[in-house]
Amino acid sequence: MRHWRERIRSAFWPAPLFLLFLGIVLPSFTGRLDEWASFDPDIVKGTSLGDEANRAVISTIAAAMLSFLGVVFSMSLVGLQLAASQLSPRVLRIYARLRITKITLGVFLATFAYSVSVLGVIGEHKYDDGTSFVPLFSIALNWLLLFASLVLFVFYVNTILRLMRSTYMIEAVAAEARGVIDEWYPAARPDESATVPDREPDGVVLAAEPSVLTSLNFRRLVRVAARHGALLRVVPRVGDFVARGAPLVAVWGDRLPYASTVRGAFHWGRERTLHDDPSYALRLLVDIAIRALSPAVNDPTTAVQAIDRIVDLLADIGARPDAAGVHRDRRGTPRVIAEVPDFESLTRLAFTEIRRYGADAPQVSRRLLAALDDLAVILPPSLTGVVAAQRELLAAAVRRAVPDEAERRIALAPDRQGLG
């Protein structure tokens, strides 16, 4: 269920289509209210400017909604394309997940559909004295939808302007990462570790399609393993591309579960997502940083902003025990073992490429040194060796990239702001 909720949240079309359908259906309800009001003509007499005036107003609203849809979203896509070229094309998924974007598009579509429907009602009936039937409630709701569209337009433009700022996108990625970290790296106990048997597995489930593993339903895997009295080891990590026929799950047990049952707990996609992948958020932040360091962009300040969030995430992960990746049944028996990236591999992911491409940028090297110094203080003693190794690699990279002694001293001075 959680996987499908995430898929719906990541999809762009459900909310706009639902609101469009609502805009098509609403006239039937407001029409009944208008029919009720028609039994007392005094309610609606004198409240209308006339059929032609009402038609002109409603048709103007409908045309305005189409103009809004065409112009606003075209400009937004151009701005997002520019932002993607400067940050990373993979951050566009954040745009698709924003509720304000979906609701704005949906309300615009609903207002247009509703306005077209109301146009057919105006002037359709007349009273005995020759006055026109005025769909008062329908027209009032049309004005209300117009007002809601204008308010949403203001908030939508504000959101787009924020999306074009690197700081907002970086923080949005970091916020998603914190939720994944809380799920994958809880306050685990030392006795939660488990090992696979020394012997060869009794069976292997193979992948049926070539795709990217986006998430796993561990509860389902545990139920399957407990039902068959088996132990399952998941071979790929979340985020891996798995070729057709590659090993998916190794099974130890006398009774082997059906391959189709095991495969049903795996969810696939065309690309990695932040939903259930603890290392992908770091991957996105690193991508933003190294793209900012490319000669085409040359924006080390954005790289420093990405490093700020990377350090915060690493400090959070390092303060927790390494996730064992062991999932147990209700009796406490290990049933599923999955590989979870440890702190050393995440640190290597976070710093290797930034160090390589930013060694000759004093602002970046100084911020990296300050970050590593902070981590050395924050993290438990067992992890300081990992931080010290990264510091040595950074110092060596700076010495190779900056031959001048005076410039090198500047580049090797820790500074949380880079160069201020």
Protein backbone atom coordinates (compact mmCIF):
# COMPACT_ATOMS: atom_id res chain seq x y z
CA MET A 1 0.00 0.00 0.00
CA ARG A 2 2.80 2.40 0.87
CA HIS A 3 4.41 1.75 -2.50
CA TRP A 4 1.22 2.59 -4.37
CA ARG A 5 0.69 5.74 -2.32
CA GLU A 6 4.17 6.83 -3.32
CA ARG A 7 3.52 6.04 -6.98
CA ILE A 8 0.34 8.11 -6.93
CA ARG A 9 2.16 10.93 -5.19
CA SER A 10 4.94 10.87 -7.77
CA ALA A 11 2.54 10.72 -10.71
CA PHE A 12 1.49 14.08 -12.13
CA TRP A 13 -1.87 13.17 -13.70
CA PRO A 14 -4.24 11.76 -10.99
CA ALA A 15 -5.06 15.01 -9.17
CA PRO A 16 -5.56 17.17 -12.33
CA LEU A 17 -7.75 14.53 -13.94
CA PHE A 18 -9.83 14.14 -10.77
CA LEU A 19 -10.40 17.90 -10.57
CA LEU A 20 -11.23 18.04 -14.28
CA PHE A 21 -13.83 15.32 -13.76
CA LEU A 22 -15.17 17.29 -10.79
CA GLY A 23 -15.51 20.37 -12.99
CA ILE A 24 -17.52 18.36 -15.50
CA VAL A 25 -19.82 16.85 -12.84
CA LEU A 26 -20.42 19.97 -10.72
CA PRO A 27 -22.87 21.65 -13.15
CA SER A 28 -25.38 18.84 -12.60
CA PHE A 29 -25.47 19.64 -8.86
CA THR A 30 -25.59 23.41 -9.22
CA GLY A 31 -28.25 22.94 -11.91
CA ARG A 32 -30.52 21.30 -9.34
CA LEU A 33 -30.06 24.27 -7.03
CA ASP A 34 -30.92 26.58 -9.91
CA GLU A 35 -34.07 24.56 -10.63
CA TRP A 36 -35.05 24.87 -6.97
CA ALA A 37 -34.56 28.62 -7.13
CA SER A 38 -36.67 28.85 -10.31
CA PHE A 39 -39.82 28.01 -8.29
CA ASP A 40 -39.50 31.44 -6.72
CA PRO A 41 -38.55 33.80 -9.55
CA ASP A 42 -38.16 36.68 -7.13
CA ILE A 43 -34.94 35.04 -5.90
CA VAL A 44 -33.21 35.45 -9.23
CA LYS A 45 -35.02 38.36 -10.88
CA GLY A 46 -32.94 41.49 -10.98
CA THR A 47 -29.74 39.65 -10.16
CA SER A 48 -28.55 39.27 -13.72
CA LEU A 49 -27.11 41.68 -16.24
CA GLY A 50 -28.83 39.74 -19.01
CA ASP A 51 -28.10 36.67 -21.05
CA GLU A 52 -25.59 38.30 -23.32
CA ALA A 53 -23.69 39.89 -20.45
CA ASN A 54 -23.54 36.61 -18.53
CA ARG A 55 -22.45 34.71 -21.60
CA ALA A 56 -19.70 37.25 -22.24
CA VAL A 57 -18.42 36.98 -18.68
CA ILE A 58 -18.45 33.18 -18.56
CA SER A 59 -16.87 32.82 -22.00
CA THR A 60 -14.15 35.28 -20.96
CA ILE A 61 -13.43 33.15 -17.89
CA ALA A 62 -13.21 30.01 -20.03
CA ALA A 63 -10.85 31.66 -22.52
CA ALA A 64 -8.73 33.07 -19.69
CA MET A 65 -8.29 29.61 -18.19
CA LEU A 66 -6.97 28.28 -21.50
CA SER A 67 -4.58 31.21 -21.75
CA PHE A 68 -3.38 30.58 -18.20
CA LEU A 69 -2.84 26.91 -18.94
CA GLY A 70 -0.87 27.57 -22.10
CA VAL A 71 1.27 30.50 -21.04
CA VAL A 72 1.93 29.75 -17.38
CA PHE A 73 2.90 26.12 -17.78
CA SER A 74 4.98 26.81 -20.88
CA MET A 75 6.97 29.42 -19.00
CA SER A 76 7.26 27.07 -16.04
CA LEU A 77 8.66 24.25 -18.13
CA VAL A 78 11.22 26.58 -19.68
CA GLY A 79 12.29 27.77 -16.23
CA LEU A 80 12.48 24.21 -14.93
CA GLN A 81 14.54 23.19 -17.94
CA LEU A 82 17.03 25.92 -17.12
CA ALA A 83 17.07 24.87 -13.47
CA ALA A 84 17.61 21.23 -14.45
CA SER A 85 20.55 22.15 -16.68
CA GLN A 86 22.19 24.00 -13.79
CA LEU A 87 21.34 21.53 -11.00
CA SER A 88 20.42 18.07 -12.21
CA PRO A 89 17.68 16.71 -14.50
CA ARG A 90 16.80 14.18 -11.82
CA VAL A 91 15.49 16.89 -9.50
CA LEU A 92 12.52 17.45 -11.83
CA ARG A 93 10.78 14.60 -10.00
CA ILE A 94 10.42 17.01 -7.08
CA TYR A 95 8.42 19.33 -9.33
CA ALA A 96 6.09 16.50 -10.31
CA ARG A 97 5.51 15.65 -6.64
CA LEU A 98 4.49 19.17 -5.60
CA ARG A 99 0.83 19.37 -4.63
CA ILE A 100 0.50 23.04 -5.57
CA THR A 101 1.47 22.21 -9.17
CA LYS A 102 -1.11 19.44 -9.51
CA ILE A 103 -3.88 21.38 -7.75
CA THR A 104 -3.26 24.52 -9.81
CA LEU A 105 -3.45 22.65 -13.09
CA GLY A 106 -6.51 20.74 -11.89
CA VAL A 107 -8.41 23.86 -10.77
CA PHE A 108 -7.63 25.61 -14.06
CA LEU A 109 -8.98 22.62 -16.00
CA ALA A 110 -12.03 22.35 -13.73
CA THR A 111 -12.82 26.05 -14.11
CA PHE A 112 -12.59 25.79 -17.89
CA ALA A 113 -14.80 22.70 -18.07
CA TYR A 114 -17.32 24.16 -15.64
CA SER A 115 -17.50 27.47 -17.54
CA VAL A 116 -18.20 25.70 -20.83
CA SER A 117 -21.00 23.72 -19.19
CA VAL A 118 -22.58 26.81 -17.66
CA LEU A 119 -22.54 28.60 -21.02
CA GLY A 120 -25.06 26.10 -22.32
CA VAL A 121 -27.49 26.84 -19.49
CA ILE A 122 -27.60 30.64 -19.71
CA GLY A 123 -30.70 31.80 -21.59
CA GLU A 124 -31.98 28.25 -22.06
CA HIS A 125 -35.33 28.85 -20.30
CA LYS A 126 -37.61 31.89 -19.98
CA TYR A 127 -40.46 32.72 -17.64
CA ASP A 128 -44.01 33.51 -18.72
CA ASP A 129 -43.34 37.23 -18.49
CA GLY A 130 -40.45 36.91 -20.97
CA THR A 131 -37.61 37.25 -18.46
CA SER A 132 -34.75 34.79 -18.69
CA PHE A 133 -34.01 32.00 -16.27
CA VAL A 134 -30.81 32.96 -14.44
CA PRO A 135 -28.63 30.04 -13.17
CA LEU A 136 -27.65 32.05 -10.13
CA PHE A 137 -25.86 29.29 -8.20
CA SER A 138 -23.97 28.11 -11.28
CA ILE A 139 -22.74 31.61 -12.03
CA ALA A 140 -21.80 32.21 -8.39
CA LEU A 141 -19.74 28.99 -8.29
CA ASN A 142 -18.08 30.02 -11.55
CA TRP A 143 -16.91 33.26 -9.94
CA LEU A 144 -15.73 31.31 -6.90
CA LEU A 145 -13.67 28.99 -9.13
CA LEU A 146 -12.19 32.01 -10.87
CA PHE A 147 -11.16 33.52 -7.54
CA ALA A 148 -9.62 30.21 -6.44
CA SER A 149 -7.71 30.01 -9.73
CA LEU A 150 -6.25 33.49 -9.26
CA VAL A 151 -5.19 32.72 -5.68
CA LEU A 152 -3.60 29.44 -6.74
CA PHE A 153 -1.85 31.23 -9.59
CA VAL A 154 -0.12 33.53 -7.11
CA PHE A 155 1.04 30.62 -4.95
CA TYR A 156 2.07 28.65 -8.03
CA VAL A 157 4.28 31.44 -9.36
CA ASN A 158 5.84 31.78 -5.91
CA THR A 159 6.58 28.03 -5.89
CA ILE A 160 8.12 28.11 -9.36
CA LEU A 161 10.37 31.00 -8.37
CA ARG A 162 11.51 28.99 -5.35
CA LEU A 163 12.13 25.93 -7.52
CA MET A 164 14.48 27.95 -9.69
CA ARG A 165 16.61 28.69 -6.63
CA SER A 166 19.24 26.09 -5.94
CA THR A 167 18.88 26.41 -2.17
CA TYR A 168 15.23 25.38 -2.24
CA MET A 169 15.86 22.35 -4.44
CA ILE A 170 18.79 21.25 -2.30
CA GLU A 171 16.74 21.53 0.87
CA ALA A 172 13.84 19.67 -0.76
CA VAL A 173 16.14 16.75 -1.56
CA ALA A 174 17.60 16.80 1.96
CA ALA A 175 14.11 16.81 3.51
CA GLU A 176 13.15 13.71 1.52
CA ALA A 177 16.40 12.06 2.59
CA ARG A 178 15.73 12.56 6.30
CA GLY A 179 12.53 10.55 6.05
CA VAL A 180 14.31 7.68 4.30
CA ILE A 181 17.13 7.75 6.88
CA ASP A 182 14.64 7.50 9.74
CA GLU A 183 13.19 4.38 8.15
CA TRP A 184 16.39 2.60 7.13
CA TYR A 185 18.63 3.59 10.05
CA PRO A 186 16.52 3.34 13.21
CA ALA A 187 18.03 3.01 16.66
CA ALA A 188 19.02 -0.59 15.99
CA ARG A 189 20.22 -2.87 18.76
CA PRO A 190 23.56 -4.68 18.44
CA ASP A 191 21.85 -8.09 18.66
CA GLU A 192 19.85 -7.45 15.49
CA SER A 193 22.61 -8.72 13.24
CA ALA A 194 22.30 -12.06 11.47
CA THR A 195 24.40 -14.04 9.03
CA VAL A 196 23.52 -16.25 6.10
CA PRO A 197 24.40 -19.97 6.24
CA ASP A 198 27.86 -21.04 5.08
CA ARG A 199 26.45 -23.53 2.57
CA GLU A 200 25.18 -22.76 -0.91
CA PRO A 201 21.57 -21.59 -1.12
CA ASP A 202 18.91 -24.20 -1.71
CA GLY A 203 17.34 -22.08 -4.43
CA VAL A 204 17.70 -18.81 -6.29
CA VAL A 205 14.90 -16.60 -7.59
CA LEU A 206 15.86 -14.83 -10.82
CA ALA A 207 14.70 -11.43 -12.05
CA ALA A 208 11.97 -11.61 -14.68
CA GLU A 209 12.54 -8.18 -16.24
CA PRO A 210 15.39 -5.70 -16.71
CA SER A 211 14.62 -2.69 -14.55
CA VAL A 212 15.67 -0.57 -11.56
CA LEU A 213 14.72 -1.84 -8.12
CA THR A 214 12.92 1.13 -6.53
CA SER A 215 11.56 -0.39 -3.32
CA LEU A 216 10.92 -3.61 -1.43
CA ASN A 217 7.94 -4.84 0.56
CA PHE A 218 9.89 -6.47 3.40
CA ARG A 219 6.76 -7.38 5.34
CA ARG A 220 5.55 -9.47 2.44
CA LEU A 221 8.94 -11.14 2.07
CA VAL A 222 8.98 -11.95 5.80
CA ARG A 223 5.50 -13.49 5.59
CA VAL A 224 6.52 -15.59 2.59
CA ALA A 225 9.72 -16.76 4.29
CA ALA A 226 7.96 -17.54 7.59
CA ARG A 227 5.23 -19.50 5.80
CA HIS A 228 7.86 -21.74 4.16
CA GLY A 229 10.29 -21.80 7.09
CA ALA A 230 13.00 -20.25 4.92
CA LEU A 231 15.67 -17.56 5.08
CA LEU A 232 15.87 -15.11 2.18
CA ARG A 233 18.81 -12.93 1.22
CA VAL A 234 18.04 -10.10 -1.19
CA VAL A 235 20.91 -9.94 -3.69
CA PRO A 236 20.51 -6.44 -5.26
CA ARG A 237 20.29 -3.25 -3.27
CA VAL A 238 17.48 -0.78 -3.70
CA GLY A 239 18.54 1.46 -6.56
CA ASP A 240 20.39 -1.26 -8.50
CA PHE A 241 19.62 -1.99 -12.13
CA VAL A 242 18.87 -5.70 -12.36
CA ALA A 243 19.21 -7.49 -15.69
CA ARG A 244 16.73 -10.13 -16.78
CA GLY A 245 17.77 -13.49 -15.35
CA ALA A 246 20.10 -12.01 -12.73
CA PRO A 247 19.93 -13.39 -9.15
CA LEU A 248 17.22 -11.66 -7.17
CA VAL A 249 16.83 -13.66 -3.94
CA ALA A 250 18.88 -16.51 -2.48
CA VAL A 251 16.78 -18.99 -0.47
CA TRP A 252 17.78 -21.35 2.33
CA GLY A 253 15.13 -23.80 3.46
CA ASP A 254 13.55 -27.18 2.85
CA ARG A 255 10.44 -25.69 1.24
CA LEU A 256 11.08 -23.11 -1.44
CA PRO A 257 8.48 -20.40 -2.10
CA TYR A 258 7.13 -19.81 -5.57
CA ALA A 259 9.28 -17.40 -7.58
CA SER A 260 6.25 -15.33 -8.58
CA THR A 261 5.30 -14.88 -4.91
CA VAL A 262 8.78 -13.61 -4.06
CA ARG A 263 8.92 -11.31 -7.08
CA GLY A 264 5.64 -9.73 -6.00
CA ALA A 265 7.44 -8.02 -3.10
CA PHE A 266 9.79 -6.18 -5.49
CA HIS A 267 8.80 -2.89 -7.08
CA TRP A 268 10.47 -1.69 -10.25
CA GLY A 269 10.86 1.53 -12.19
CA ARG A 270 12.77 3.23 -14.96
CA GLU A 271 14.95 5.23 -12.58
CA ARG A 272 15.89 5.47 -8.93
CA THR A 273 13.65 7.37 -6.53
CA LEU A 274 14.03 8.98 -3.12
CA HIS A 275 11.15 6.90 -1.78
CA ASP A 276 13.08 3.89 -0.44
CA ASP A 277 16.71 4.46 -1.43
CA PRO A 278 18.89 5.80 1.40
CA SER A 279 21.88 6.58 -0.82
CA TYR A 280 20.04 8.21 -3.73
CA ALA A 281 19.53 11.49 -1.87
CA LEU A 282 23.29 11.78 -1.41
CA ARG A 283 23.66 10.89 -5.07
CA LEU A 284 21.40 13.81 -6.05
CA LEU A 285 23.20 16.27 -3.78
CA VAL A 286 26.55 15.18 -5.19
CA ASP A 287 25.22 15.56 -8.73
CA ILE A 288 24.11 19.11 -7.96
CA ALA A 289 27.51 19.92 -6.47
CA ILE A 290 29.65 18.54 -9.30
CA ARG A 291 27.42 20.10 -11.97
CA ALA A 292 27.91 23.44 -10.23
CA LEU A 293 31.67 22.84 -10.35
CA SER A 294 31.71 22.14 -14.10
CA PRO A 295 33.42 24.77 -16.30
CA ALA A 296 30.10 25.42 -18.08
CA VAL A 297 28.43 26.54 -14.82
CA ASN A 298 31.33 27.47 -12.51
CA ASP A 299 29.19 28.02 -9.40
CA PRO A 300 31.13 26.82 -6.34
CA THR A 301 28.68 28.56 -4.00
CA THR A 302 25.94 26.12 -5.01
CA ALA A 303 28.38 23.28 -4.41
CA VAL A 304 29.00 24.60 -0.90
CA GLN A 305 25.25 24.71 -0.24
CA ALA A 306 24.99 21.07 -1.31
CA ILE A 307 27.92 20.16 0.97
CA ASP A 308 26.09 21.78 3.90
CA ARG A 309 23.20 19.33 3.51
CA ILE A 310 25.50 16.38 2.83
CA VAL A 311 27.32 16.97 6.11
CA ASP A 312 24.05 17.21 8.01
CA LEU A 313 22.82 13.90 6.55
CA LEU A 314 26.12 12.12 7.23
CA ALA A 315 26.13 13.38 10.81
CA ASP A 316 22.61 12.03 11.26
CA ILE A 317 23.51 8.63 9.77
CA GLY A 318 26.78 8.37 11.66
CA ALA A 319 25.05 9.00 14.97
CA ARG A 320 22.94 5.86 14.43
CA PRO A 321 24.13 2.26 14.47
CA ASP A 322 24.70 0.70 11.06
CA ALA A 323 21.45 -0.86 9.91
CA ALA A 324 21.82 -4.62 9.91
CA GLY A 325 19.26 -5.10 7.16
CA VAL A 326 17.73 -8.03 9.07
CA HIS A 327 13.96 -8.47 9.10
CA ARG A 328 12.41 -10.91 11.57
CA ASP A 329 9.05 -12.57 11.94
CA ARG A 330 6.84 -12.27 15.02
CA ARG A 331 8.84 -14.92 16.87
CA GLY A 332 12.09 -13.01 16.34
CA THR A 333 13.50 -15.46 13.79
CA PRO A 334 15.56 -13.83 11.02
CA ARG A 335 13.70 -14.28 7.74
CA VAL A 336 15.02 -11.66 5.31
CA ILE A 337 18.52 -10.19 5.02
CA ALA A 338 19.09 -7.20 2.74
CA GLU A 339 22.25 -5.20 2.14
CA VAL A 340 22.13 -1.66 3.51
CA PRO A 341 24.86 0.88 2.69
CA ASP A 342 27.10 1.51 5.69
CA PHE A 343 28.60 4.80 6.77
CA GLU A 344 31.91 4.25 4.99
CA SER A 345 30.29 3.63 1.61
CA LEU A 346 27.98 6.63 2.05
CA THR A 347 30.95 8.83 2.97
CA ARG A 348 32.79 7.64 -0.11
CA LEU A 349 29.75 8.47 -2.22
CA ALA A 350 29.40 11.90 -0.63
CA PHE A 351 32.97 13.14 -1.01
CA THR A 352 34.82 11.32 -3.81
CA GLU A 353 33.48 13.14 -6.85
CA ILE A 354 33.20 16.52 -5.14
CA ARG A 355 36.83 16.18 -4.04
CA ARG A 356 37.92 15.27 -7.54
CA TYR A 357 36.14 18.10 -9.35
CA GLY A 358 36.50 20.74 -6.63
CA ALA A 359 40.10 20.26 -5.54
CA ASP A 360 41.20 23.39 -7.43
CA ALA A 361 38.29 25.50 -6.06
CA PRO A 362 39.39 27.04 -2.72
CA GLN A 363 35.81 27.65 -1.65
CA VAL A 364 34.98 23.96 -2.02
CA SER A 365 38.14 22.54 -0.49
CA ARG A 366 37.90 24.85 2.52
CA ARG A 367 34.24 23.88 3.07
CA LEU A 368 35.05 20.18 2.73
CA LEU A 369 37.84 20.45 5.29
CA ALA A 370 35.54 22.23 7.73
CA ALA A 371 32.88 19.58 7.12
CA LEU A 372 35.29 16.75 7.84
CA ASP A 373 36.51 18.50 10.99
CA ASP A 374 32.91 18.84 12.18
CA LEU A 375 32.19 15.18 11.46
CA ALA A 376 35.30 14.15 13.39
CA VAL A 377 33.84 15.86 16.46
CA ILE A 378 30.21 14.80 15.98
CA LEU A 379 30.67 11.13 15.08
CA PRO A 380 31.51 8.33 17.51
CA PRO A 381 35.19 7.33 17.80
CA SER A 382 34.64 4.19 15.72
CA LEU A 383 34.01 6.32 12.63
CA THR A 384 36.74 8.93 12.99
CA GLY A 385 39.11 6.75 10.97
CA VAL A 386 36.79 7.00 7.96
CA VAL A 387 36.73 10.79 8.29
CA ALA A 388 40.51 10.98 8.72
CA ALA A 389 41.02 8.95 5.54
CA GLN A 390 38.79 11.32 3.59
CA ARG A 391 40.71 14.29 4.96
CA GLU A 392 44.02 12.84 3.79
CA LEU A 393 42.62 12.17 0.33
CA LEU A 394 41.33 15.75 0.13
CA ALA A 395 44.67 17.25 1.20
CA ALA A 396 46.50 15.14 -1.39
CA ALA A 397 44.06 16.18 -4.13
CA VAL A 398 44.50 19.87 -3.27
CA ARG A 399 48.30 19.54 -3.33
CA ARG A 400 48.11 18.03 -6.81
CA ALA A 401 45.62 20.59 -8.13
CA VAL A 402 47.17 23.74 -6.59
CA PRO A 403 50.94 23.91 -7.21
CA ASP A 404 51.45 27.39 -5.73
CA GLU A 405 52.35 27.22 -2.03
CA ALA A 406 50.54 30.40 -1.02
CA GLU A 407 47.36 29.40 -2.85
CA ARG A 408 47.61 25.93 -1.34
CA ARG A 409 47.70 27.32 2.18
CA ILE A 410 44.50 29.23 1.45
CA ALA A 411 42.83 26.17 -0.05
CA LEU A 412 43.77 23.96 2.93
CA ALA A 413 42.35 26.30 5.60
CA PRO A 414 39.02 24.98 6.93
CA ASP A 415 36.12 27.41 6.57
CA ARG A 416 32.42 26.63 6.99
CA GLN A 417 31.54 29.38 4.51
CA GLY A 418 34.19 28.42 1.98
CA LEU A 419 35.54 31.86 1.24
CA GLY A 420 32.75 33.78 2.92
